[in-house]
């Protein structure tokens, strides 16, 4: 019953790239691969011979050293860092105002359902950034350009503009 009412109150975000396979799933996959490799080496030890086993140990050693370097530079994380607490995520997901988060290259990392409804996006592929939506609208282009340039330079800014048409396709003017 609680899960049914939660779906009405807690809208699912349209884009959320923080989801990863769980640690338990990764551990199970790792155990299955190691067990399979041990069985194969045990069954075919006589056929494979010592040179193959030494070569395989060399390859595994190189993979291990590569993993250590990848872990040291932060490319691989042993324990995932906390991505934020659940209260703030629930708050942002259920906001009535549209929220869009992008990285420094302008790729969409997160967009809540309200942003998708406001812009008329039906799926994650339909989402556009604020700059992409409003850069060709004459009323907003200068303000958006100034804000985007300031953000690229690391400066905060604000601006205001009024649109004659809604940014949602097919919406009534006003």
N, C-alpha and C. Protein backbone atom coordinates (compact mmCIF):
# COMPACT_ATOMS: atom_id res chain seq x y z
N UNK A 1 0.82 -1.19 0.00
CA UNK A 1 0.00 0.00 0.00
C UNK A 1 0.87 1.26 0.00
N UNK A 2 1.94 1.23 0.80
CA UNK A 2 2.80 2.41 0.88
C UNK A 2 3.48 2.67 -0.46
N UNK A 3 3.86 1.61 -1.16
CA UNK A 3 4.52 1.80 -2.45
C UNK A 3 3.57 2.37 -3.48
N UNK A 4 2.29 2.00 -3.42
CA UNK A 4 1.33 2.53 -4.39
C UNK A 4 1.12 4.03 -4.20
N UNK A 5 0.99 4.48 -2.97
CA UNK A 5 0.78 5.91 -2.74
C UNK A 5 2.05 6.69 -3.00
N UNK A 6 3.21 6.06 -2.80
CA UNK A 6 4.46 6.77 -3.02
C UNK A 6 4.63 7.13 -4.49
N UNK A 7 4.16 6.30 -5.42
CA UNK A 7 4.29 6.58 -6.83
C UNK A 7 3.54 7.83 -7.24
N UNK A 8 2.40 8.10 -6.61
CA UNK A 8 1.65 9.30 -6.93
C UNK A 8 2.35 10.54 -6.40
N UNK A 9 2.91 10.45 -5.21
CA UNK A 9 3.51 11.61 -4.57
C UNK A 9 4.95 11.83 -5.04
N UNK A 10 5.64 10.78 -5.34
CA UNK A 10 7.07 10.84 -5.64
C UNK A 10 7.31 10.57 -7.12
N UNK A 11 7.33 11.61 -7.94
CA UNK A 11 7.52 11.39 -9.37
C UNK A 11 8.95 10.94 -9.69
N UNK A 12 9.06 10.05 -10.62
CA UNK A 12 10.36 9.53 -11.03
C UNK A 12 11.03 10.55 -11.94
N UNK A 13 12.33 10.87 -11.72
CA UNK A 13 13.00 11.83 -12.60
C UNK A 13 13.13 11.27 -14.01
N UNK A 14 13.16 12.16 -14.99
CA UNK A 14 13.25 11.70 -16.38
C UNK A 14 14.69 11.30 -16.73
N UNK A 15 15.69 11.93 -16.12
CA UNK A 15 17.09 11.55 -16.29
C UNK A 15 17.74 11.54 -14.93
N UNK A 16 18.39 10.44 -14.57
CA UNK A 16 19.15 10.35 -13.34
C UNK A 16 20.29 9.39 -13.60
N UNK A 17 21.49 9.92 -13.85
CA UNK A 17 22.61 9.08 -14.23
C UNK A 17 23.44 8.64 -13.04
N UNK A 18 22.90 8.71 -11.85
CA UNK A 18 23.62 8.25 -10.68
C UNK A 18 23.34 6.80 -10.35
N UNK A 19 22.47 6.15 -11.10
CA UNK A 19 22.15 4.76 -10.81
C UNK A 19 23.24 3.86 -11.37
N UNK A 20 23.72 2.96 -10.54
CA UNK A 20 24.76 2.01 -10.91
C UNK A 20 24.35 0.64 -10.40
N UNK A 21 24.96 -0.42 -10.97
CA UNK A 21 24.65 -1.74 -10.41
C UNK A 21 25.12 -1.81 -8.97
N UNK A 22 24.36 -2.48 -8.14
CA UNK A 22 24.67 -2.55 -6.73
C UNK A 22 25.94 -3.33 -6.45
N UNK A 23 26.48 -3.13 -5.26
CA UNK A 23 27.71 -3.81 -4.87
C UNK A 23 27.50 -5.32 -4.80
N UNK A 24 26.32 -5.74 -4.39
CA UNK A 24 26.04 -7.17 -4.29
C UNK A 24 26.04 -7.81 -5.68
N UNK A 25 25.45 -7.14 -6.67
CA UNK A 25 25.43 -7.68 -8.03
C UNK A 25 26.85 -7.78 -8.59
N UNK A 26 27.66 -6.77 -8.35
CA UNK A 26 29.04 -6.81 -8.83
C UNK A 26 29.83 -7.92 -8.15
N UNK A 27 29.59 -8.12 -6.84
CA UNK A 27 30.29 -9.17 -6.10
C UNK A 27 29.88 -10.55 -6.60
N UNK A 28 28.61 -10.75 -6.90
CA UNK A 28 28.15 -12.04 -7.41
C UNK A 28 28.76 -12.33 -8.78
N UNK A 29 28.82 -11.32 -9.64
CA UNK A 29 29.44 -11.50 -10.96
C UNK A 29 30.92 -11.85 -10.81
N UNK A 30 31.61 -11.18 -9.90
CA UNK A 30 33.03 -11.45 -9.65
C UNK A 30 33.23 -12.88 -9.16
N UNK A 31 32.38 -13.35 -8.24
CA UNK A 31 32.50 -14.71 -7.70
C UNK A 31 32.25 -15.74 -8.79
N UNK A 32 31.25 -15.51 -9.64
CA UNK A 32 30.94 -16.45 -10.72
C UNK A 32 32.10 -16.54 -11.71
N UNK A 33 32.69 -15.40 -12.07
CA UNK A 33 33.81 -15.41 -13.01
C UNK A 33 35.02 -16.13 -12.41
N UNK A 34 35.35 -15.86 -11.15
CA UNK A 34 36.49 -16.53 -10.52
C UNK A 34 36.25 -18.02 -10.39
N UNK A 35 35.05 -18.42 -10.02
CA UNK A 35 34.73 -19.85 -9.89
C UNK A 35 34.83 -20.54 -11.25
N UNK A 36 34.30 -19.90 -12.29
CA UNK A 36 34.40 -20.47 -13.64
C UNK A 36 35.84 -20.62 -14.09
N UNK A 37 36.66 -19.61 -13.83
CA UNK A 37 38.07 -19.68 -14.21
C UNK A 37 38.80 -20.79 -13.46
N UNK A 38 38.50 -20.96 -12.17
CA UNK A 38 39.14 -22.02 -11.38
C UNK A 38 38.75 -23.40 -11.89
N UNK A 39 37.49 -23.57 -12.25
CA UNK A 39 37.03 -24.86 -12.79
C UNK A 39 37.72 -25.16 -14.12
N UNK A 40 37.80 -24.16 -15.00
CA UNK A 40 38.45 -24.37 -16.31
C UNK A 40 39.92 -24.71 -16.12
N UNK A 41 40.63 -24.01 -15.25
CA UNK A 41 42.04 -24.31 -15.03
C UNK A 41 42.21 -25.68 -14.39
N UNK A 42 41.30 -26.07 -13.49
CA UNK A 42 41.40 -27.38 -12.85
C UNK A 42 41.16 -28.52 -13.83
N UNK A 43 40.20 -28.36 -14.73
CA UNK A 43 39.88 -29.42 -15.68
C UNK A 43 40.90 -29.55 -16.80
N UNK A 44 41.43 -28.45 -17.27
CA UNK A 44 42.33 -28.47 -18.43
C UNK A 44 43.78 -28.19 -18.07
N UNK A 45 44.17 -28.48 -16.83
CA UNK A 45 45.53 -28.18 -16.40
C UNK A 45 46.57 -28.97 -17.19
N UNK A 46 46.29 -30.24 -17.43
CA UNK A 46 47.24 -31.08 -18.16
C UNK A 46 47.34 -30.68 -19.63
N UNK A 47 46.22 -30.30 -20.24
CA UNK A 47 46.23 -29.93 -21.66
C UNK A 47 46.87 -28.56 -21.89
N UNK A 48 46.66 -27.65 -20.96
CA UNK A 48 47.15 -26.28 -21.17
C UNK A 48 48.66 -26.19 -21.00
N UNK A 49 49.21 -26.87 -20.02
CA UNK A 49 50.65 -26.87 -19.82
C UNK A 49 51.11 -25.67 -19.00
N UNK A 50 52.36 -25.78 -18.57
CA UNK A 50 52.94 -24.74 -17.71
C UNK A 50 53.16 -23.40 -18.42
N UNK A 51 53.60 -23.36 -19.68
CA UNK A 51 53.80 -22.05 -20.33
C UNK A 51 52.50 -21.23 -20.41
N UNK A 52 51.39 -21.91 -20.69
CA UNK A 52 50.12 -21.18 -20.75
C UNK A 52 49.74 -20.63 -19.38
N UNK A 53 49.91 -21.46 -18.34
CA UNK A 53 49.56 -21.01 -16.99
C UNK A 53 50.45 -19.85 -16.56
N UNK A 54 51.74 -19.88 -16.90
CA UNK A 54 52.62 -18.76 -16.57
C UNK A 54 52.21 -17.51 -17.33
N UNK A 55 51.85 -17.67 -18.60
CA UNK A 55 51.37 -16.52 -19.38
C UNK A 55 50.09 -15.95 -18.79
N UNK A 56 49.18 -16.83 -18.37
CA UNK A 56 47.93 -16.37 -17.77
C UNK A 56 48.20 -15.63 -16.46
N UNK A 57 49.12 -16.13 -15.65
CA UNK A 57 49.48 -15.43 -14.41
C UNK A 57 50.08 -14.06 -14.72
N UNK A 58 50.87 -13.97 -15.79
CA UNK A 58 51.42 -12.67 -16.19
C UNK A 58 50.33 -11.69 -16.60
N UNK A 59 49.36 -12.18 -17.36
CA UNK A 59 48.24 -11.32 -17.77
C UNK A 59 47.44 -10.86 -16.55
N UNK A 60 47.17 -11.79 -15.63
CA UNK A 60 46.43 -11.42 -14.42
C UNK A 60 47.22 -10.42 -13.57
N UNK A 61 48.55 -10.56 -13.54
CA UNK A 61 49.38 -9.60 -12.80
C UNK A 61 49.29 -8.22 -13.44
N UNK A 62 49.31 -8.16 -14.77
CA UNK A 62 49.19 -6.86 -15.44
C UNK A 62 47.82 -6.24 -15.18
N UNK A 63 46.77 -7.05 -15.19
CA UNK A 63 45.43 -6.53 -14.89
C UNK A 63 45.39 -6.00 -13.47
N UNK A 64 46.02 -6.71 -12.53
CA UNK A 64 46.04 -6.26 -11.14
C UNK A 64 46.77 -4.94 -10.96
N UNK A 65 47.91 -4.79 -11.62
CA UNK A 65 48.66 -3.54 -11.54
C UNK A 65 47.86 -2.40 -12.17
N UNK A 66 47.22 -2.68 -13.31
CA UNK A 66 46.37 -1.66 -13.93
C UNK A 66 45.22 -1.25 -13.04
N UNK A 67 44.63 -2.23 -12.34
CA UNK A 67 43.55 -1.93 -11.41
C UNK A 67 44.04 -1.05 -10.26
N UNK A 68 45.24 -1.35 -9.75
CA UNK A 68 45.79 -0.53 -8.66
C UNK A 68 46.01 0.91 -9.11
N UNK A 69 46.55 1.10 -10.31
CA UNK A 69 46.73 2.47 -10.82
C UNK A 69 45.39 3.16 -11.04
N UNK A 70 44.42 2.44 -11.61
CA UNK A 70 43.09 3.03 -11.84
C UNK A 70 42.43 3.41 -10.52
N UNK A 71 42.62 2.60 -9.49
CA UNK A 71 42.07 2.94 -8.18
C UNK A 71 42.79 4.14 -7.59
N UNK A 72 44.11 4.21 -7.78
CA UNK A 72 44.88 5.32 -7.21
C UNK A 72 44.49 6.66 -7.83
N UNK A 73 44.18 6.69 -9.12
CA UNK A 73 43.82 7.97 -9.75
C UNK A 73 42.33 8.26 -9.65
N UNK A 74 41.56 7.32 -9.08
CA UNK A 74 40.13 7.58 -8.88
C UNK A 74 39.24 7.13 -10.01
N UNK A 75 39.79 6.45 -11.01
CA UNK A 75 38.97 5.97 -12.13
C UNK A 75 38.06 4.83 -11.69
N UNK A 76 38.55 4.00 -10.77
CA UNK A 76 37.77 2.91 -10.20
C UNK A 76 37.58 3.21 -8.72
N UNK A 77 36.36 3.05 -8.24
CA UNK A 77 36.07 3.27 -6.83
C UNK A 77 35.71 1.94 -6.19
N UNK A 78 36.36 1.64 -5.08
CA UNK A 78 36.06 0.39 -4.38
C UNK A 78 34.71 0.49 -3.70
N UNK A 79 34.52 1.52 -2.93
CA UNK A 79 33.22 1.78 -2.30
C UNK A 79 32.70 3.08 -2.89
N UNK A 80 31.51 3.07 -3.49
CA UNK A 80 31.01 4.30 -4.10
C UNK A 80 30.80 5.39 -3.06
N UNK A 81 31.15 6.60 -3.46
CA UNK A 81 30.95 7.73 -2.57
C UNK A 81 29.46 8.01 -2.44
N UNK A 82 29.11 8.60 -1.35
CA UNK A 82 27.70 8.93 -1.13
C UNK A 82 27.28 9.98 -2.14
N UNK A 83 26.19 9.72 -2.86
CA UNK A 83 25.72 10.65 -3.88
C UNK A 83 24.74 11.65 -3.31
N UNK A 84 24.61 11.70 -2.03
CA UNK A 84 23.66 12.62 -1.42
C UNK A 84 22.65 11.83 -0.63
N UNK A 85 22.05 12.48 0.29
CA UNK A 85 21.10 11.73 1.10
C UNK A 85 19.74 11.63 0.41
N UNK A 86 18.96 10.70 0.85
CA UNK A 86 17.68 10.41 0.21
C UNK A 86 16.67 11.53 0.40
N UNK A 87 16.77 12.29 1.48
CA UNK A 87 15.83 13.38 1.71
C UNK A 87 15.98 14.46 0.65
N UNK A 88 17.20 14.85 0.35
CA UNK A 88 17.40 15.89 -0.67
C UNK A 88 17.00 15.38 -2.05
N UNK A 89 17.26 14.11 -2.33
CA UNK A 89 16.85 13.54 -3.62
C UNK A 89 15.33 13.51 -3.74
N UNK A 90 14.66 13.13 -2.68
CA UNK A 90 13.19 13.11 -2.71
C UNK A 90 12.64 14.52 -2.87
N UNK A 91 13.27 15.50 -2.24
CA UNK A 91 12.83 16.89 -2.36
C UNK A 91 12.97 17.38 -3.80
N UNK A 92 14.11 17.14 -4.40
CA UNK A 92 14.36 17.60 -5.76
C UNK A 92 13.46 16.88 -6.76
N UNK A 93 13.25 15.58 -6.56
CA UNK A 93 12.39 14.81 -7.47
C UNK A 93 10.95 15.29 -7.44
N UNK A 94 10.48 15.73 -6.28
CA UNK A 94 9.07 16.10 -6.15
C UNK A 94 8.82 17.61 -6.29
N UNK A 95 9.84 18.37 -6.69
CA UNK A 95 9.66 19.82 -6.87
C UNK A 95 8.67 20.10 -8.00
N UNK A 96 7.88 21.14 -7.82
CA UNK A 96 6.96 21.52 -8.90
C UNK A 96 7.67 22.40 -9.93
N UNK A 97 8.81 22.97 -9.59
CA UNK A 97 9.61 23.75 -10.54
C UNK A 97 10.55 22.79 -11.28
N UNK A 98 10.80 23.11 -12.52
CA UNK A 98 11.70 22.28 -13.31
C UNK A 98 13.14 22.47 -12.87
N UNK A 99 13.88 21.38 -12.81
CA UNK A 99 15.28 21.42 -12.41
C UNK A 99 16.10 20.59 -13.40
N UNK A 100 17.17 21.20 -13.91
CA UNK A 100 18.05 20.54 -14.86
C UNK A 100 19.48 20.72 -14.38
N UNK A 101 20.25 19.63 -14.33
CA UNK A 101 21.65 19.68 -13.93
C UNK A 101 22.48 19.16 -15.10
N UNK A 102 23.49 19.95 -15.49
CA UNK A 102 24.37 19.54 -16.58
C UNK A 102 25.81 19.54 -16.09
N UNK A 103 26.68 18.85 -16.82
CA UNK A 103 28.09 18.90 -16.49
C UNK A 103 28.75 20.05 -17.25
N UNK A 104 30.06 20.16 -17.17
CA UNK A 104 30.75 21.29 -17.79
C UNK A 104 30.69 21.25 -19.31
N UNK A 105 30.43 20.09 -19.89
CA UNK A 105 30.33 19.97 -21.34
C UNK A 105 28.90 20.18 -21.84
N UNK A 106 27.97 20.43 -20.94
CA UNK A 106 26.59 20.67 -21.34
C UNK A 106 25.74 19.42 -21.47
N UNK A 107 26.25 18.27 -21.02
CA UNK A 107 25.47 17.04 -21.06
C UNK A 107 24.53 16.99 -19.86
N UNK A 108 23.33 16.51 -20.08
CA UNK A 108 22.32 16.45 -19.02
C UNK A 108 22.66 15.30 -18.08
N UNK A 109 22.82 15.63 -16.79
CA UNK A 109 23.09 14.62 -15.77
C UNK A 109 21.80 14.27 -15.04
N UNK A 110 20.98 15.27 -14.78
CA UNK A 110 19.74 15.04 -14.03
C UNK A 110 18.68 16.03 -14.51
N UNK A 111 17.47 15.55 -14.64
CA UNK A 111 16.32 16.40 -14.94
C UNK A 111 15.11 15.81 -14.24
N UNK A 112 14.41 16.64 -13.47
CA UNK A 112 13.23 16.10 -12.80
C UNK A 112 12.04 16.10 -13.74
N UNK A 113 10.98 15.47 -13.31
CA UNK A 113 9.79 15.31 -14.14
C UNK A 113 9.15 16.66 -14.47
N UNK A 114 9.21 17.62 -13.54
CA UNK A 114 8.61 18.93 -13.78
C UNK A 114 9.30 19.64 -14.95
N UNK A 115 10.62 19.49 -15.08
CA UNK A 115 11.33 20.10 -16.20
C UNK A 115 10.88 19.48 -17.52
N UNK A 116 10.70 18.17 -17.53
CA UNK A 116 10.25 17.50 -18.75
C UNK A 116 8.85 17.96 -19.13
N UNK A 117 7.97 18.11 -18.16
CA UNK A 117 6.61 18.57 -18.46
C UNK A 117 6.61 20.02 -18.93
N UNK A 118 7.48 20.84 -18.34
CA UNK A 118 7.54 22.25 -18.69
C UNK A 118 8.04 22.44 -20.13
N UNK A 119 8.99 21.60 -20.54
CA UNK A 119 9.58 21.75 -21.87
C UNK A 119 8.93 20.86 -22.93
N UNK A 120 8.04 19.98 -22.52
CA UNK A 120 7.36 19.11 -23.46
C UNK A 120 8.16 17.88 -23.86
N UNK A 121 9.17 17.52 -23.08
CA UNK A 121 9.98 16.34 -23.39
C UNK A 121 9.25 15.08 -22.93
N UNK A 122 9.12 14.13 -23.83
CA UNK A 122 8.44 12.88 -23.50
C UNK A 122 9.42 11.81 -23.01
N UNK A 123 10.68 11.93 -23.39
CA UNK A 123 11.69 10.96 -22.97
C UNK A 123 13.01 11.69 -22.75
N UNK A 124 14.00 10.94 -22.30
CA UNK A 124 15.32 11.54 -22.05
C UNK A 124 15.95 12.05 -23.34
N UNK A 125 15.65 11.42 -24.46
CA UNK A 125 16.22 11.86 -25.75
C UNK A 125 15.65 13.21 -26.19
N UNK A 126 14.45 13.55 -25.73
CA UNK A 126 13.81 14.81 -26.12
C UNK A 126 14.28 16.00 -25.30
N UNK A 127 15.01 15.76 -24.21
CA UNK A 127 15.43 16.85 -23.33
C UNK A 127 16.45 17.76 -24.01
N UNK A 128 16.30 19.04 -23.77
CA UNK A 128 17.27 20.03 -24.23
C UNK A 128 17.67 20.87 -23.03
N UNK A 129 18.88 21.39 -23.08
CA UNK A 129 19.31 22.29 -22.02
C UNK A 129 18.60 23.62 -22.17
N UNK A 130 18.68 24.44 -21.15
CA UNK A 130 18.04 25.75 -21.20
C UNK A 130 18.65 26.57 -22.33
N UNK A 131 19.95 26.47 -22.49
CA UNK A 131 20.62 27.19 -23.57
C UNK A 131 20.14 26.70 -24.93
N UNK A 132 19.97 25.40 -25.08
CA UNK A 132 19.48 24.85 -26.34
C UNK A 132 18.04 25.22 -26.63
N UNK A 133 17.23 25.34 -25.59
CA UNK A 133 15.83 25.70 -25.77
C UNK A 133 15.64 27.17 -26.14
N UNK A 134 16.39 28.04 -25.47
CA UNK A 134 16.10 29.47 -25.56
C UNK A 134 17.11 30.29 -26.34
N UNK A 135 18.16 29.68 -26.86
CA UNK A 135 19.18 30.49 -27.55
C UNK A 135 18.67 31.09 -28.85
N UNK A 136 17.67 30.48 -29.48
CA UNK A 136 17.16 31.04 -30.73
C UNK A 136 15.88 31.86 -30.54
N UNK A 137 15.47 32.07 -29.29
CA UNK A 137 14.30 32.91 -28.99
C UNK A 137 14.81 34.34 -28.80
N UNK A 138 14.35 35.29 -29.61
CA UNK A 138 14.91 36.66 -29.55
C UNK A 138 14.77 37.32 -28.18
N UNK A 139 13.66 37.06 -27.47
CA UNK A 139 13.45 37.72 -26.18
C UNK A 139 14.45 37.24 -25.12
N UNK A 140 14.96 36.03 -25.28
CA UNK A 140 15.79 35.44 -24.23
C UNK A 140 17.24 35.24 -24.63
N UNK A 141 17.57 35.36 -25.90
CA UNK A 141 18.89 34.94 -26.36
C UNK A 141 20.04 35.71 -25.71
N UNK A 142 19.92 37.02 -25.56
CA UNK A 142 21.01 37.80 -24.96
C UNK A 142 21.19 37.45 -23.49
N UNK A 143 20.09 37.30 -22.77
CA UNK A 143 20.18 36.96 -21.34
C UNK A 143 20.78 35.56 -21.17
N UNK A 144 20.32 34.62 -21.96
CA UNK A 144 20.85 33.25 -21.88
C UNK A 144 22.33 33.22 -22.25
N UNK A 145 22.71 33.96 -23.27
CA UNK A 145 24.11 34.00 -23.68
C UNK A 145 24.98 34.58 -22.56
N UNK A 146 24.51 35.68 -21.94
CA UNK A 146 25.27 36.31 -20.87
C UNK A 146 25.40 35.38 -19.66
N UNK A 147 24.31 34.70 -19.30
CA UNK A 147 24.35 33.78 -18.17
C UNK A 147 25.25 32.57 -18.46
N UNK A 148 25.14 32.01 -19.65
CA UNK A 148 25.96 30.85 -20.01
C UNK A 148 27.44 31.21 -20.04
N UNK A 149 27.77 32.38 -20.58
CA UNK A 149 29.17 32.81 -20.61
C UNK A 149 29.70 33.03 -19.21
N UNK A 150 28.89 33.64 -18.36
CA UNK A 150 29.31 33.84 -16.98
C UNK A 150 29.51 32.54 -16.23
N UNK A 151 28.64 31.56 -16.45
CA UNK A 151 28.79 30.27 -15.79
C UNK A 151 30.03 29.53 -16.27
N UNK A 152 30.35 29.64 -17.55
CA UNK A 152 31.57 29.01 -18.06
C UNK A 152 32.81 29.62 -17.42
N UNK A 153 32.72 30.93 -17.10
CA UNK A 153 33.85 31.61 -16.46
C UNK A 153 33.83 31.45 -14.95
N UNK A 154 32.82 30.76 -14.41
CA UNK A 154 32.74 30.54 -12.97
C UNK A 154 32.10 31.67 -12.20
N UNK A 155 31.35 32.52 -12.86
CA UNK A 155 30.71 33.65 -12.20
C UNK A 155 29.22 33.40 -12.06
N UNK A 156 28.67 33.82 -10.94
CA UNK A 156 27.23 33.72 -10.74
C UNK A 156 26.55 34.85 -11.50
N UNK A 157 25.31 34.67 -11.82
CA UNK A 157 24.58 35.71 -12.54
C UNK A 157 23.09 35.47 -12.45
N UNK A 158 22.35 36.47 -12.85
CA UNK A 158 20.90 36.33 -12.92
C UNK A 158 20.39 37.17 -14.08
N UNK A 159 19.20 36.86 -14.49
CA UNK A 159 18.61 37.58 -15.61
C UNK A 159 17.12 37.31 -15.67
N UNK A 160 16.44 38.17 -16.37
CA UNK A 160 14.99 38.03 -16.49
C UNK A 160 14.59 38.33 -17.92
N UNK A 161 13.63 37.57 -18.41
CA UNK A 161 13.08 37.81 -19.74
C UNK A 161 11.65 37.29 -19.75
N UNK A 162 10.89 37.79 -20.69
CA UNK A 162 9.49 37.36 -20.85
C UNK A 162 9.33 36.79 -22.24
N UNK A 163 8.62 35.69 -22.31
CA UNK A 163 8.41 35.02 -23.59
C UNK A 163 7.00 35.25 -24.09
N UNK A 164 6.87 35.49 -25.38
CA UNK A 164 5.55 35.65 -25.98
C UNK A 164 4.88 34.29 -26.18
N UNK A 165 5.67 33.24 -26.39
CA UNK A 165 5.17 31.88 -26.60
C UNK A 165 5.71 30.97 -25.50
N UNK A 166 4.99 29.93 -25.18
CA UNK A 166 5.46 28.93 -24.23
C UNK A 166 6.58 28.12 -24.86
N UNK A 167 7.49 27.62 -24.04
CA UNK A 167 8.57 26.79 -24.57
C UNK A 167 8.10 25.36 -24.81
N UNK A 168 6.95 25.01 -24.29
CA UNK A 168 6.39 23.68 -24.50
C UNK A 168 5.69 23.64 -25.86
N UNK A 169 6.08 22.75 -26.74
CA UNK A 169 5.45 22.69 -28.06
C UNK A 169 3.95 22.38 -27.95
N UNK A 170 3.16 23.11 -28.70
CA UNK A 170 1.73 22.89 -28.73
C UNK A 170 0.96 23.57 -27.62
N UNK A 171 1.65 24.30 -26.74
CA UNK A 171 0.96 24.98 -25.64
C UNK A 171 0.33 26.28 -26.15
N UNK A 172 -0.69 26.71 -25.46
CA UNK A 172 -1.36 27.95 -25.84
C UNK A 172 -0.52 29.15 -25.43
N UNK A 173 -0.52 30.23 -26.21
CA UNK A 173 0.25 31.42 -25.84
C UNK A 173 -0.31 32.06 -24.59
N UNK A 174 0.60 32.72 -23.87
CA UNK A 174 0.16 33.45 -22.68
C UNK A 174 0.69 32.86 -21.51
